C-alpha cells in the first residue's frame, strides 16, 4: 500500500509537472528542464501524484498552461465542497467576507478620527 500523500508531495508534484514540460525539438519532444525524452521521470511522477490527489487530466493540463510552479493546490483537494473528513465551516453572523476571503468583523464603536479644522 502506498504512503498517504502529504501537502509537500502535492506541492512538489505541481512543481515537477510545470518545470518538466515538453519542448519541441527536431528529434521530437524533450523535457524542457533536463533534455530527457518527454515525459521524463519527474513529470510522470508529478502526474501520478496529482491524479492520486484527485485532479483530472484537464486540471493538470491547466496547471501546466498556467506555468507557475508555485501555484497553490488545496489540500485536501475537493472539487465540489468540503471533504467528508472536514466539517463545513460555519461563519458567525456579523462577519462579512472581503474579496480576498479574510473575515472582517464590524467595529464595536464608531472610529474616533481626528477632525480636520
Protein backbone atom coordinates (compact mmCIF):
# COMPACT_ATOMS: atom_id res chain seq x y z
CA UNK A 1 0.00 0.00 0.00
CA UNK A 2 1.49 3.39 -0.95
CA UNK A 3 2.17 6.00 1.69
CA UNK A 4 -0.52 8.68 2.08
CA UNK A 5 0.07 11.95 0.26
CA UNK A 6 1.23 14.99 2.18
CA UNK A 7 0.80 18.66 1.25
CA UNK A 8 4.52 18.75 0.42
CA UNK A 9 4.09 15.85 -2.05
CA UNK A 10 1.36 17.79 -3.85
CA UNK A 11 3.42 21.00 -3.86
CA UNK A 12 6.44 19.19 -5.33
CA UNK A 13 4.26 17.37 -7.88
CA UNK A 14 2.86 20.68 -9.17
CA UNK A 15 6.40 21.99 -9.48
CA UNK A 16 7.52 18.81 -11.29
CA UNK A 17 4.79 18.86 -13.94
CA UNK A 18 5.22 22.60 -14.60
CA UNK A 19 9.03 22.65 -14.75
CA UNK A 20 9.37 19.37 -16.67
CA UNK A 21 7.06 20.20 -19.59
CA UNK A 22 7.56 19.25 -23.22
CA UNK A 23 9.66 21.33 -25.57
CA UNK A 24 9.57 20.57 -29.30
CA UNK A 25 12.88 19.66 -30.92
CA UNK A 26 13.63 18.26 -34.42
CA UNK A 27 14.15 14.84 -32.82
CA UNK A 28 10.80 15.02 -31.01
CA UNK A 29 9.51 16.37 -27.69
CA UNK A 30 12.12 16.66 -24.94
CA UNK A 31 11.86 17.68 -21.30
CA UNK A 32 12.40 21.43 -21.03
CA UNK A 33 14.39 21.04 -17.82
CA UNK A 34 16.73 18.10 -18.31
CA UNK A 35 16.56 17.24 -22.03
CA UNK A 36 15.33 13.68 -21.46
CA UNK A 37 12.68 12.25 -23.75
CA UNK A 38 9.26 13.61 -22.78
CA UNK A 39 7.59 12.75 -20.44
CA UNK A 40 10.61 12.44 -18.16
CA UNK A 41 10.58 10.53 -14.89
CA UNK A 42 9.77 13.55 -12.70
CA UNK A 43 6.91 14.67 -14.95
CA UNK A 44 5.38 11.18 -14.82
CA UNK A 45 5.77 11.09 -11.02
CA UNK A 46 4.13 14.51 -10.67
CA UNK A 47 1.17 13.46 -12.81
CA UNK A 48 0.70 10.26 -10.79
CA UNK A 49 0.73 12.21 -7.51
CA UNK A 50 -1.72 14.84 -8.78
CA UNK A 51 -4.06 12.15 -10.15
CA UNK A 52 -3.91 10.33 -6.80
CA UNK A 53 -4.71 13.67 -5.15
CA UNK A 54 -7.93 13.94 -7.18
CA UNK A 55 -7.06 16.21 -10.10
CA UNK A 56 -8.22 15.09 -13.52
CA UNK A 57 -6.32 15.37 -16.81
CA UNK A 58 -7.92 18.71 -17.71
CA UNK A 59 -6.96 20.27 -14.38
CA UNK A 60 -3.37 19.04 -14.65
CA UNK A 61 -3.11 20.47 -18.18
CA UNK A 62 -4.46 23.79 -16.87
CA UNK A 63 -1.72 23.82 -14.21
CA UNK A 64 0.90 23.26 -16.91
CA UNK A 65 -0.55 26.00 -19.14
CA UNK A 66 -0.66 28.37 -16.16
CA UNK A 67 3.11 27.94 -15.95
CA UNK A 68 3.55 28.87 -12.27
CA UNK A 69 5.38 26.06 -10.42
CA UNK A 70 4.39 27.61 -7.08
CA UNK A 71 0.62 27.73 -7.66
CA UNK A 72 -1.36 26.51 -4.64
CA UNK A 73 -3.46 23.36 -4.92
CA UNK A 74 -5.71 22.94 -1.85
CA UNK A 75 -5.00 20.02 0.44
CA UNK A 76 -7.16 18.00 0.65
CA UNK A 77 -8.32 18.80 -2.88
CA UNK A 78 -12.11 18.87 -3.16
CA UNK A 79 -13.78 19.92 -6.36
CA UNK A 80 -17.34 20.00 -5.07
CA UNK A 81 -17.08 21.12 -1.46
CA UNK A 82 -15.51 20.13 1.84
CA UNK A 83 -14.26 16.58 2.18
CA UNK A 84 -16.04 14.08 4.36
CA UNK A 85 -13.24 14.38 6.92
CA UNK A 86 -13.73 18.14 7.29
CA UNK A 87 -16.87 19.68 8.70
CA UNK A 88 -18.33 22.60 6.78
CA UNK A 89 -17.20 25.95 8.18
CA UNK A 90 -19.84 27.93 9.98
CA UNK A 91 -19.42 31.70 9.75
CA UNK A 92 -20.94 33.61 12.66
CA UNK A 93 -23.42 36.36 11.88
CA UNK A 94 -21.99 39.85 11.77
CA UNK A 95 -18.85 38.75 9.93
CA UNK A 96 -18.61 39.64 6.28
CA UNK A 97 -16.02 38.39 3.84
CA UNK A 98 -13.86 40.62 1.68
CA UNK A 99 -12.78 39.73 -1.84
CA UNK A 100 -9.56 38.19 -0.51
CA UNK A 101 -11.54 35.81 1.70
CA UNK A 102 -10.42 37.17 5.07
CA UNK A 103 -13.25 37.69 7.58
CA UNK A 104 -13.80 41.28 8.67
CA UNK A 105 -15.67 41.94 11.88
CA UNK A 106 -17.61 45.18 12.12
CA UNK A 107 -16.22 47.71 14.62
CA UNK A 108 -17.79 47.72 18.07
CA UNK A 109 -17.97 51.52 18.16
CA UNK A 110 -17.52 54.14 15.51
CA UNK A 111 -13.85 55.06 15.00
CA UNK A 112 -12.80 58.37 16.51
CA UNK A 113 -10.77 60.07 13.82
CA UNK A 114 -9.16 63.46 14.49
CA UNK A 115 -11.24 66.20 12.95
CA UNK A 116 -9.77 68.48 10.37
CA UNK A 117 -10.39 72.10 11.31
